[in-house]
Amino acid sequence: MSRLIRGLFGKNPSRPRSRTDRAVLTLVMLETRAVPDGASMTVVDTTADDLDPTDKTTSLREALAYVASLNTTVQLAVSFDEDLFSTGSPATISLGAALDVSCNVEILGTGTRGQKAVEIVPGNSNPFPLFTVAAGVSARFTGLYLDHARNTKAGQGGAIQNSGNIFVGDCHIEDCEGHSGGAISNM
């Protein structure tokens, strides 16, 4: 008889188990990330840059505002709906102003190693960073294309202006200019 069967059922699997023969299960925490009750990954399903709760779509700006409203210290995730890329072209989000990252969040683009899937660009000629990360916030950016950001204000970066802690992985940052960092400025 194998050790596993003896360990699960006692010495003789055909005899009924006594209270002392019962297996003890232990739960072990594997990682510290969690999602609060009722919340899940927030999915962006439009390339529009708006804050309109009545339009039945979720923009990246709305997704970031929503996860910030949950007022939690755990890191939440924002991803992008596959239907945005159904044409095979990248989904381009043209911003009217910087996106404020004011809570712990992971923005999961779908691009990998040079594949352009989610591209975030400024939508007008006014200089602003694409993202501003607040102090005390941990933000992760993965699989994004950040392009053409111009920020000429003193002490600021082109694509990301960071006052918190950031991780940028598998992202492509191209043609960005900033007074204190073309791609990223750490405040």
N, C-alpha and C. Protein backbone atom coordinates (compact mmCIF):
# COMPACT_ATOMS: atom_id res chain seq x y z
N MET A 1 0.86 -1.17 0.00
CA MET A 1 0.00 0.00 0.00
C MET A 1 0.91 1.23 0.00
N SER A 2 0.58 2.20 -0.78
CA SER A 2 1.44 3.37 -0.88
C SER A 2 1.36 4.21 0.38
N ARG A 3 2.40 5.01 0.59
CA ARG A 3 2.44 5.89 1.76
C ARG A 3 1.31 6.91 1.72
N LEU A 4 0.97 7.38 0.51
CA LEU A 4 -0.08 8.37 0.39
C LEU A 4 -1.41 7.81 0.87
N ILE A 5 -1.75 6.61 0.45
CA ILE A 5 -3.02 6.01 0.88
C ILE A 5 -3.00 5.76 2.38
N ARG A 6 -1.88 5.23 2.90
CA ARG A 6 -1.80 5.03 4.36
C ARG A 6 -1.92 6.35 5.09
N GLY A 7 -1.30 7.41 4.53
CA GLY A 7 -1.37 8.71 5.19
C GLY A 7 -2.76 9.30 5.18
N LEU A 8 -3.50 9.06 4.10
CA LEU A 8 -4.85 9.61 4.01
C LEU A 8 -5.88 8.79 4.78
N PHE A 9 -5.75 7.47 4.73
CA PHE A 9 -6.79 6.62 5.29
C PHE A 9 -6.38 5.86 6.54
N GLY A 10 -5.18 6.00 6.99
CA GLY A 10 -4.72 5.22 8.13
C GLY A 10 -4.06 3.94 7.63
N LYS A 11 -3.72 3.04 8.55
CA LYS A 11 -3.01 1.83 8.18
C LYS A 11 -3.84 0.91 7.31
N ASN A 12 -5.12 0.79 7.56
CA ASN A 12 -5.97 -0.12 6.81
C ASN A 12 -7.11 0.69 6.20
N PRO A 13 -7.09 0.91 4.87
CA PRO A 13 -8.11 1.75 4.25
C PRO A 13 -9.51 1.15 4.31
N SER A 14 -9.63 -0.15 4.59
CA SER A 14 -10.96 -0.76 4.62
C SER A 14 -11.65 -0.58 5.97
N ARG A 15 -10.91 -0.27 7.02
CA ARG A 15 -11.57 -0.08 8.32
C ARG A 15 -12.01 1.37 8.46
N PRO A 16 -13.10 1.63 9.15
CA PRO A 16 -13.58 3.01 9.36
C PRO A 16 -12.54 3.82 10.13
N ARG A 17 -12.47 5.07 9.84
CA ARG A 17 -11.53 5.97 10.53
C ARG A 17 -12.06 6.36 11.89
N SER A 18 -11.15 6.50 12.79
CA SER A 18 -11.52 7.05 14.09
C SER A 18 -11.25 8.55 14.05
N ARG A 19 -11.66 9.25 15.10
CA ARG A 19 -11.43 10.69 15.14
C ARG A 19 -9.94 11.03 15.04
N THR A 20 -9.09 10.18 15.55
CA THR A 20 -7.65 10.48 15.53
C THR A 20 -7.02 10.19 14.18
N ASP A 21 -7.72 9.42 13.30
CA ASP A 21 -7.18 9.10 11.98
C ASP A 21 -7.47 10.17 10.92
N ARG A 22 -8.29 11.14 11.22
CA ARG A 22 -8.70 12.12 10.22
C ARG A 22 -7.54 13.01 9.79
N ALA A 23 -7.55 13.34 8.51
CA ALA A 23 -6.52 14.22 7.97
C ALA A 23 -6.75 15.65 8.42
N VAL A 24 -5.68 16.37 8.60
CA VAL A 24 -5.75 17.77 8.99
C VAL A 24 -5.34 18.61 7.78
N LEU A 25 -6.20 19.53 7.39
CA LEU A 25 -5.90 20.42 6.28
C LEU A 25 -5.40 21.74 6.81
N THR A 26 -4.39 22.29 6.15
CA THR A 26 -3.83 23.57 6.54
C THR A 26 -3.86 24.50 5.34
N LEU A 27 -4.34 25.70 5.53
CA LEU A 27 -4.33 26.71 4.47
C LEU A 27 -3.08 27.56 4.62
N VAL A 28 -2.41 27.79 3.52
CA VAL A 28 -1.19 28.57 3.52
C VAL A 28 -1.37 29.70 2.51
N MET A 29 -1.04 30.94 2.92
CA MET A 29 -1.14 32.08 2.01
C MET A 29 0.02 32.01 1.02
N LEU A 30 -0.30 32.05 -0.27
CA LEU A 30 0.72 31.95 -1.29
C LEU A 30 1.26 33.29 -1.73
N GLU A 31 0.45 34.32 -1.71
CA GLU A 31 0.90 35.66 -2.06
C GLU A 31 0.03 36.67 -1.34
N THR A 32 0.49 37.90 -1.29
CA THR A 32 -0.21 38.91 -0.51
C THR A 32 -1.27 39.67 -1.28
N ARG A 33 -1.36 39.48 -2.61
CA ARG A 33 -2.37 40.19 -3.37
C ARG A 33 -3.75 39.62 -3.06
N ALA A 34 -4.72 40.48 -2.99
CA ALA A 34 -6.10 40.07 -2.75
C ALA A 34 -7.03 41.05 -3.43
N VAL A 35 -8.25 40.63 -3.62
CA VAL A 35 -9.27 41.51 -4.20
C VAL A 35 -10.36 41.65 -3.16
N PRO A 36 -10.79 42.86 -2.83
CA PRO A 36 -11.84 43.02 -1.84
C PRO A 36 -13.15 42.39 -2.29
N ASP A 37 -14.00 42.04 -1.33
CA ASP A 37 -15.29 41.42 -1.64
C ASP A 37 -16.05 42.27 -2.66
N GLY A 38 -16.63 41.61 -3.64
CA GLY A 38 -17.44 42.30 -4.64
C GLY A 38 -16.64 42.94 -5.75
N ALA A 39 -15.33 42.95 -5.66
CA ALA A 39 -14.51 43.57 -6.70
C ALA A 39 -13.81 42.50 -7.51
N SER A 40 -13.48 42.81 -8.72
CA SER A 40 -12.70 41.90 -9.55
C SER A 40 -11.83 42.76 -10.44
N MET A 41 -11.20 42.11 -11.41
CA MET A 41 -10.39 42.88 -12.32
C MET A 41 -11.30 43.82 -13.11
N THR A 42 -10.91 45.06 -13.22
CA THR A 42 -11.68 46.04 -13.98
C THR A 42 -11.22 45.98 -15.43
N VAL A 43 -12.17 45.87 -16.36
CA VAL A 43 -11.85 45.68 -17.76
C VAL A 43 -12.23 46.93 -18.56
N VAL A 44 -11.26 47.46 -19.28
CA VAL A 44 -11.47 48.60 -20.17
C VAL A 44 -12.03 48.07 -21.48
N ASP A 45 -13.16 48.64 -21.93
CA ASP A 45 -13.77 48.15 -23.16
C ASP A 45 -14.01 49.24 -24.22
N THR A 46 -13.34 50.38 -24.05
CA THR A 46 -13.43 51.45 -25.04
C THR A 46 -12.10 52.19 -25.11
N THR A 47 -11.83 52.78 -26.26
CA THR A 47 -10.63 53.61 -26.40
C THR A 47 -10.93 55.08 -26.12
N ALA A 48 -12.18 55.39 -25.82
CA ALA A 48 -12.55 56.78 -25.49
C ALA A 48 -11.87 57.19 -24.19
N ASP A 49 -11.62 58.47 -24.05
CA ASP A 49 -11.04 59.00 -22.82
C ASP A 49 -12.10 59.86 -22.15
N ASP A 50 -12.96 59.21 -21.37
CA ASP A 50 -14.06 59.95 -20.75
C ASP A 50 -14.32 59.47 -19.33
N LEU A 51 -15.17 60.22 -18.64
CA LEU A 51 -15.67 59.88 -17.31
C LEU A 51 -17.18 59.99 -17.34
N ASP A 52 -17.83 59.15 -18.11
CA ASP A 52 -19.28 59.19 -18.26
C ASP A 52 -19.86 57.87 -17.76
N PRO A 53 -20.39 57.83 -16.53
CA PRO A 53 -20.91 56.57 -15.99
C PRO A 53 -22.19 56.09 -16.67
N THR A 54 -22.80 56.90 -17.53
CA THR A 54 -24.05 56.50 -18.17
C THR A 54 -23.86 55.91 -19.57
N ASP A 55 -22.64 55.91 -20.10
CA ASP A 55 -22.45 55.47 -21.48
C ASP A 55 -22.29 53.95 -21.64
N LYS A 56 -22.34 53.21 -20.55
CA LYS A 56 -22.28 51.75 -20.54
C LYS A 56 -20.98 51.18 -21.10
N THR A 57 -19.92 51.97 -21.05
CA THR A 57 -18.58 51.50 -21.40
C THR A 57 -17.64 51.89 -20.27
N THR A 58 -16.46 51.29 -20.26
CA THR A 58 -15.45 51.61 -19.25
C THR A 58 -14.17 52.04 -19.93
N SER A 59 -13.82 53.31 -19.77
CA SER A 59 -12.57 53.83 -20.31
C SER A 59 -11.45 53.57 -19.31
N LEU A 60 -10.22 53.76 -19.74
CA LEU A 60 -9.08 53.60 -18.83
C LEU A 60 -9.17 54.62 -17.71
N ARG A 61 -9.59 55.84 -18.03
CA ARG A 61 -9.74 56.88 -16.99
C ARG A 61 -10.81 56.46 -15.98
N GLU A 62 -11.94 55.91 -16.45
CA GLU A 62 -13.00 55.45 -15.55
C GLU A 62 -12.54 54.27 -14.70
N ALA A 63 -11.78 53.35 -15.31
CA ALA A 63 -11.28 52.19 -14.57
C ALA A 63 -10.35 52.62 -13.44
N LEU A 64 -9.46 53.57 -13.70
CA LEU A 64 -8.56 54.06 -12.65
C LEU A 64 -9.32 54.80 -11.56
N ALA A 65 -10.34 55.58 -11.95
CA ALA A 65 -11.16 56.27 -10.94
C ALA A 65 -11.93 55.27 -10.09
N TYR A 66 -12.43 54.20 -10.73
CA TYR A 66 -13.18 53.18 -9.99
C TYR A 66 -12.31 52.46 -8.97
N VAL A 67 -11.14 51.99 -9.38
CA VAL A 67 -10.30 51.26 -8.43
C VAL A 67 -9.83 52.18 -7.31
N ALA A 68 -9.63 53.46 -7.60
CA ALA A 68 -9.26 54.42 -6.55
C ALA A 68 -10.42 54.60 -5.56
N SER A 69 -11.66 54.53 -6.06
CA SER A 69 -12.82 54.72 -5.17
C SER A 69 -13.02 53.56 -4.21
N LEU A 70 -12.41 52.41 -4.48
CA LEU A 70 -12.54 51.25 -3.58
C LEU A 70 -11.79 51.46 -2.28
N ASN A 71 -10.86 52.42 -2.27
CA ASN A 71 -10.16 52.82 -1.06
C ASN A 71 -9.55 51.62 -0.32
N THR A 72 -8.75 50.84 -1.03
CA THR A 72 -8.11 49.68 -0.44
C THR A 72 -6.60 49.79 -0.62
N THR A 73 -5.87 49.09 0.22
CA THR A 73 -4.41 49.12 0.10
C THR A 73 -3.87 47.97 -0.74
N VAL A 74 -4.73 47.00 -1.09
CA VAL A 74 -4.27 45.90 -1.93
C VAL A 74 -4.15 46.37 -3.37
N GLN A 75 -3.32 45.68 -4.13
CA GLN A 75 -3.12 46.06 -5.53
C GLN A 75 -4.23 45.45 -6.39
N LEU A 76 -4.97 46.30 -7.08
CA LEU A 76 -6.04 45.86 -7.97
C LEU A 76 -5.53 45.88 -9.40
N ALA A 77 -6.29 45.27 -10.30
CA ALA A 77 -5.83 45.16 -11.68
C ALA A 77 -6.82 45.77 -12.66
N VAL A 78 -6.28 46.36 -13.71
CA VAL A 78 -7.06 46.89 -14.82
C VAL A 78 -6.52 46.21 -16.07
N SER A 79 -7.43 45.63 -16.86
CA SER A 79 -7.02 44.99 -18.11
C SER A 79 -7.86 45.53 -19.26
N PHE A 80 -7.64 45.00 -20.45
CA PHE A 80 -8.31 45.49 -21.65
C PHE A 80 -9.09 44.36 -22.32
N ASP A 81 -10.31 44.67 -22.73
CA ASP A 81 -11.18 43.70 -23.40
C ASP A 81 -10.58 43.30 -24.75
N GLU A 82 -10.59 42.00 -25.04
CA GLU A 82 -10.03 41.50 -26.29
C GLU A 82 -10.73 42.07 -27.52
N ASP A 83 -11.99 42.46 -27.40
CA ASP A 83 -12.72 43.02 -28.54
C ASP A 83 -12.13 44.32 -29.05
N LEU A 84 -11.33 45.00 -28.23
CA LEU A 84 -10.68 46.23 -28.68
C LEU A 84 -9.68 45.96 -29.80
N PHE A 85 -9.19 44.72 -29.89
CA PHE A 85 -8.14 44.38 -30.84
C PHE A 85 -8.64 43.43 -31.93
N SER A 86 -9.94 43.31 -32.09
CA SER A 86 -10.50 42.33 -33.03
C SER A 86 -10.10 42.60 -34.47
N THR A 87 -9.75 43.82 -34.80
CA THR A 87 -9.36 44.15 -36.18
C THR A 87 -7.90 43.80 -36.46
N GLY A 88 -7.16 43.43 -35.44
CA GLY A 88 -5.75 43.15 -35.60
C GLY A 88 -4.88 44.39 -35.45
N SER A 89 -5.51 45.55 -35.37
CA SER A 89 -4.78 46.80 -35.17
C SER A 89 -4.69 47.10 -33.68
N PRO A 90 -3.70 47.89 -33.28
CA PRO A 90 -3.63 48.25 -31.87
C PRO A 90 -4.80 49.15 -31.46
N ALA A 91 -5.17 49.06 -30.22
CA ALA A 91 -6.19 49.95 -29.67
C ALA A 91 -5.46 51.20 -29.19
N THR A 92 -5.74 52.34 -29.80
CA THR A 92 -5.06 53.58 -29.44
C THR A 92 -5.99 54.43 -28.57
N ILE A 93 -5.48 54.79 -27.39
CA ILE A 93 -6.22 55.65 -26.47
C ILE A 93 -5.57 57.02 -26.52
N SER A 94 -6.31 58.01 -27.01
CA SER A 94 -5.81 59.39 -27.10
C SER A 94 -6.32 60.15 -25.89
N LEU A 95 -5.40 60.60 -25.05
CA LEU A 95 -5.76 61.25 -23.80
C LEU A 95 -5.94 62.75 -23.95
N GLY A 96 -6.88 63.30 -23.19
CA GLY A 96 -7.07 64.74 -23.13
C GLY A 96 -6.28 65.37 -21.99
N ALA A 97 -5.87 64.55 -21.03
CA ALA A 97 -5.08 65.00 -19.88
C ALA A 97 -4.40 63.77 -19.28
N ALA A 98 -3.47 64.01 -18.37
CA ALA A 98 -2.76 62.90 -17.73
C ALA A 98 -3.73 62.00 -16.97
N LEU A 99 -3.41 60.71 -16.93
CA LEU A 99 -4.17 59.76 -16.13
C LEU A 99 -3.56 59.71 -14.73
N ASP A 100 -4.38 59.99 -13.72
CA ASP A 100 -3.90 59.99 -12.34
C ASP A 100 -3.99 58.58 -11.77
N VAL A 101 -2.87 58.10 -11.26
CA VAL A 101 -2.83 56.80 -10.60
C VAL A 101 -2.68 57.11 -9.11
N SER A 102 -3.80 56.98 -8.38
CA SER A 102 -3.82 57.39 -6.97
C SER A 102 -4.06 56.23 -6.01
N CYS A 103 -3.97 54.99 -6.53
CA CYS A 103 -4.11 53.81 -5.67
C CYS A 103 -3.21 52.71 -6.22
N ASN A 104 -3.00 51.68 -5.43
CA ASN A 104 -2.17 50.56 -5.86
C ASN A 104 -2.89 49.81 -6.97
N VAL A 105 -2.29 49.78 -8.15
CA VAL A 105 -2.96 49.18 -9.30
C VAL A 105 -1.94 48.59 -10.26
N GLU A 106 -2.38 47.58 -10.99
CA GLU A 106 -1.59 47.00 -12.06
C GLU A 106 -2.38 47.18 -13.35
N ILE A 107 -1.78 47.84 -14.33
CA ILE A 107 -2.42 48.05 -15.62
C ILE A 107 -1.82 47.02 -16.58
N LEU A 108 -2.66 46.08 -16.99
CA LEU A 108 -2.22 44.94 -17.78
C LEU A 108 -2.56 45.12 -19.25
N GLY A 109 -1.64 45.69 -20.00
CA GLY A 109 -1.82 45.75 -21.44
C GLY A 109 -1.60 44.37 -22.01
N THR A 110 -1.88 44.18 -23.26
CA THR A 110 -1.77 42.85 -23.84
C THR A 110 -0.58 42.70 -24.77
N GLY A 111 0.21 43.73 -24.91
CA GLY A 111 1.36 43.65 -25.80
C GLY A 111 2.50 42.87 -25.16
N THR A 112 3.27 42.19 -26.00
CA THR A 112 4.45 41.47 -25.52
C THR A 112 5.55 41.62 -26.54
N ARG A 113 6.72 41.92 -26.07
CA ARG A 113 7.94 41.97 -26.86
C ARG A 113 7.76 42.53 -28.28
N GLY A 114 7.37 43.79 -28.33
CA GLY A 114 7.27 44.47 -29.61
C GLY A 114 5.91 44.42 -30.28
N GLN A 115 4.98 43.64 -29.73
CA GLN A 115 3.64 43.60 -30.31
C GLN A 115 2.87 44.80 -29.77
N LYS A 116 2.40 45.64 -30.66
CA LYS A 116 1.67 46.83 -30.25
C LYS A 116 0.19 46.50 -30.13
N ALA A 117 -0.33 46.47 -28.90
CA ALA A 117 -1.74 46.14 -28.69
C ALA A 117 -2.49 47.32 -28.08
N VAL A 118 -1.99 47.87 -26.97
CA VAL A 118 -2.60 49.04 -26.36
C VAL A 118 -1.59 50.18 -26.44
N GLU A 119 -1.96 51.20 -27.20
CA GLU A 119 -1.09 52.36 -27.37
C GLU A 119 -1.76 53.55 -26.69
N ILE A 120 -1.01 54.26 -25.86
CA ILE A 120 -1.54 55.41 -25.15
C ILE A 120 -0.74 56.63 -25.59
N VAL A 121 -1.46 57.62 -26.13
CA VAL A 121 -0.82 58.81 -26.69
C VAL A 121 -1.57 60.06 -26.21
N PRO A 122 -0.91 61.22 -26.23
CA PRO A 122 -1.65 62.46 -25.94
C PRO A 122 -2.55 62.80 -27.12
N GLY A 123 -3.74 63.29 -26.81
CA GLY A 123 -4.70 63.60 -27.85
C GLY A 123 -4.68 65.04 -28.30
N ASN A 124 -3.85 65.85 -27.69
CA ASN A 124 -3.76 67.26 -28.09
C ASN A 124 -2.32 67.71 -27.95
N SER A 125 -2.06 68.94 -28.27
CA SER A 125 -0.68 69.43 -28.26
C SER A 125 -0.24 69.99 -26.91
N ASN A 126 -1.13 70.02 -25.92
CA ASN A 126 -0.73 70.51 -24.60
C ASN A 126 0.24 69.54 -23.95
N PRO A 127 1.29 70.05 -23.34
CA PRO A 127 2.28 69.15 -22.74
C PRO A 127 1.79 68.57 -21.40
N PHE A 128 1.75 67.25 -21.31
CA PHE A 128 1.42 66.58 -20.05
C PHE A 128 1.96 65.16 -20.10
N PRO A 129 2.29 64.59 -18.93
CA PRO A 129 2.70 63.19 -18.90
C PRO A 129 1.48 62.31 -19.16
N LEU A 130 1.68 61.09 -19.62
CA LEU A 130 0.56 60.19 -19.83
C LEU A 130 -0.01 59.69 -18.50
N PHE A 131 0.88 59.39 -17.54
CA PHE A 131 0.47 58.93 -16.21
C PHE A 131 1.17 59.75 -15.15
N THR A 132 0.45 60.07 -14.07
CA THR A 132 1.07 60.64 -12.87
C THR A 132 0.76 59.68 -11.73
N VAL A 133 1.80 59.20 -11.07
CA VAL A 133 1.67 58.24 -9.97
C VAL A 133 1.89 59.00 -8.67
N ALA A 134 0.89 58.94 -7.79
CA ALA A 134 0.92 59.69 -6.53
C ALA A 134 1.89 59.07 -5.52
N ALA A 135 2.32 59.88 -4.57
CA ALA A 135 3.21 59.42 -3.49
C ALA A 135 2.52 58.31 -2.69
N GLY A 136 3.30 57.31 -2.30
CA GLY A 136 2.77 56.21 -1.50
C GLY A 136 2.04 55.14 -2.29
N VAL A 137 1.96 55.30 -3.60
CA VAL A 137 1.24 54.36 -4.46
C VAL A 137 2.24 53.41 -5.12
N SER A 138 1.85 52.14 -5.23
CA SER A 138 2.62 51.16 -6.00
C SER A 138 1.84 50.86 -7.27
N ALA A 139 2.47 51.11 -8.40
CA ALA A 139 1.80 50.90 -9.69
C ALA A 139 2.67 50.01 -10.57
N ARG A 140 2.01 49.13 -11.30
CA ARG A 140 2.69 48.25 -12.25
C ARG A 140 2.10 48.50 -13.64
N PHE A 141 2.97 48.68 -14.61
CA PHE A 141 2.56 48.88 -16.00
C PHE A 141 3.17 47.75 -16.82
N THR A 142 2.34 46.95 -17.48
CA THR A 142 2.87 45.86 -18.30
C THR A 142 2.15 45.83 -19.65
N GLY A 143 2.92 45.50 -20.68
CA GLY A 143 2.36 45.29 -22.01
C GLY A 143 1.73 46.50 -22.66
N LEU A 144 2.25 47.71 -22.39
CA LEU A 144 1.70 48.94 -22.95
C LEU A 144 2.69 49.59 -23.91
N TYR A 145 2.16 50.33 -24.87
CA TYR A 145 2.95 51.23 -25.71
C TYR A 145 2.63 52.64 -25.26
N LEU A 146 3.62 53.39 -24.85
CA LEU A 146 3.44 54.78 -24.43
C LEU A 146 4.20 55.64 -25.43
N ASP A 147 3.48 56.43 -26.20
CA ASP A 147 4.08 57.14 -27.33
C ASP A 147 3.80 58.64 -27.32
N HIS A 148 4.75 59.39 -27.85
CA HIS A 148 4.60 60.80 -28.23
C HIS A 148 4.22 61.75 -27.08
N ALA A 149 4.54 61.42 -25.86
CA ALA A 149 4.22 62.32 -24.74
C ALA A 149 5.25 63.45 -24.70
N ARG A 150 4.77 64.65 -24.48
CA ARG A 150 5.63 65.83 -24.36
C ARG A 150 5.26 66.54 -23.08
N ASN A 151 6.25 66.76 -22.23
CA ASN A 151 6.00 67.46 -20.99
C ASN A 151 7.18 68.37 -20.71
N THR A 152 6.99 69.64 -20.92
CA THR A 152 8.09 70.59 -20.79
C THR A 152 8.09 71.31 -19.44
N LYS A 153 7.18 70.94 -18.54
CA LYS A 153 7.16 71.58 -17.23
C LYS A 153 8.36 71.12 -16.42
N ALA A 154 8.95 72.04 -15.67
CA ALA A 154 10.15 71.73 -14.89
C ALA A 154 9.88 70.60 -13.90
N GLY A 155 10.82 69.66 -13.84
CA GLY A 155 10.75 68.58 -12.87
C GLY A 155 9.81 67.46 -13.24
N GLN A 156 9.38 67.38 -14.49
CA GLN A 156 8.40 66.35 -14.84
C GLN A 156 8.89 65.48 -15.99
N GLY A 157 8.34 64.25 -16.04
CA GLY A 157 8.72 63.29 -17.07
C GLY A 157 7.74 63.25 -18.21
N GLY A 158 8.15 62.66 -19.31
CA GLY A 158 7.32 62.61 -20.49
C GLY A 158 6.19 61.60 -20.39
N ALA A 159 6.50 60.32 -20.26
CA ALA A 159 5.47 59.29 -20.25
C ALA A 159 4.88 59.09 -18.85
N ILE A 160 5.74 58.96 -17.84
CA ILE A 160 5.27 58.71 -16.47
C ILE A 160 5.97 59.66 -15.52
N GLN A 161 5.16 60.38 -14.75
CA GLN A 161 5.69 61.21 -13.68
C GLN A 161 5.41 60.46 -12.38
N ASN A 162 6.47 60.00 -11.73
CA ASN A 162 6.33 59.08 -10.60
C ASN A 162 6.73 59.73 -9.28
N SER A 163 5.80 59.71 -8.33
CA SER A 163 6.11 60.10 -6.95
C SER A 163 5.97 58.92 -6.01
N GLY A 164 5.62 57.75 -6.55
CA GLY A 164 5.43 56.55 -5.73
C GLY A 164 6.45 55.49 -6.09
N ASN A 165 6.00 54.25 -6.17
CA ASN A 165 6.84 53.12 -6.55
C ASN A 165 6.23 52.51 -7.80
N ILE A 166 7.04 52.34 -8.84
CA ILE A 166 6.50 51.77 -10.07
C ILE A 166 7.34 50.61 -10.55
N PHE A 167 6.68 49.74 -11.30
CA PHE A 167 7.33 48.67 -12.04
C PHE A 167 6.84 48.81 -13.47
N VAL A 168 7.76 48.85 -14.41
CA VAL A 168 7.41 48.94 -15.83
C VAL A 168 8.02 47.70 -16.49
N GLY A 169 7.17 46.82 -17.01
CA GLY A 169 7.66 45.59 -17.60
C GLY A 169 7.01 45.33 -18.94
N ASP A 170 7.81 44.90 -19.88
CA ASP A 170 7.34 44.54 -21.21
C ASP A 170 6.54 45.67 -21.86
N CYS A 171 6.97 46.90 -21.59
CA CYS A 171 6.35 48.09 -22.18
C CYS A 171 7.30 48.68 -23.22
N HIS A 172 6.74 49.43 -24.12
CA HIS A 172 7.52 50.13 -25.13
C HIS A 172 7.24 51.62 -24.96
N ILE A 173 8.27 52.38 -24.65
CA ILE A 173 8.12 53.83 -24.49
C ILE A 173 8.91 54.48 -25.60
N GLU A 174 8.21 55.23 -26.46
CA GLU A 174 8.83 55.76 -27.66
C GLU A 174 8.50 57.23 -27.86
N ASP A 175 9.51 57.99 -28.31
CA ASP A 175 9.33 59.37 -28.72
C ASP A 175 8.65 60.22 -27.63
N CYS A 176 9.15 60.11 -26.41
CA CYS A 176 8.62 60.91 -25.29
C CYS A 176 9.67 61.90 -24.84
N GLU A 177 9.23 63.09 -24.47
CA GLU A 177 10.14 64.13 -23.99
C GLU A 177 9.63 64.69 -22.67
N GLY A 178 10.56 64.92 -21.77
CA GLY A 178 10.21 65.55 -20.51
C GLY A 178 11.35 66.41 -20.03
N HIS A 179 11.04 67.39 -19.21
CA HIS A 179 12.05 68.30 -18.69
C HIS A 179 13.04 67.54 -17.81
N SER A 180 12.55 66.56 -17.04
CA SER A 180 13.42 65.84 -16.11
C SER A 180 13.39 64.34 -16.35
N GLY A 181 13.16 63.93 -17.56
CA GLY A 181 13.13 62.52 -17.90
C GLY A 181 12.24 62.30 -19.10
N GLY A 182 12.80 61.81 -20.19
CA GLY A 182 12.00 61.62 -21.39
C GLY A 182 10.92 60.57 -21.20
N ALA A 183 11.27 59.48 -20.59
CA ALA A 183 10.29 58.42 -20.38
C ALA A 183 9.65 58.52 -18.99
N ILE A 184 10.50 58.49 -17.96
CA ILE A 184 10.00 58.44 -16.59
C ILE A 184 10.75 59.45 -15.74
N SER A 185 10.03 60.17 -14.92
CA SER A 185 10.64 61.08 -13.97
C SER A 185 10.25 60.63 -12.57
N ASN A 186 11.26 60.39 -11.72
CA ASN A 186 11.00 60.03 -10.33
C ASN A 186 11.13 61.28 -9.47
N MET A 187 10.05 61.61 -8.81
CA MET A 187 10.02 62.82 -7.99
C MET A 187 10.59 62.55 -6.62
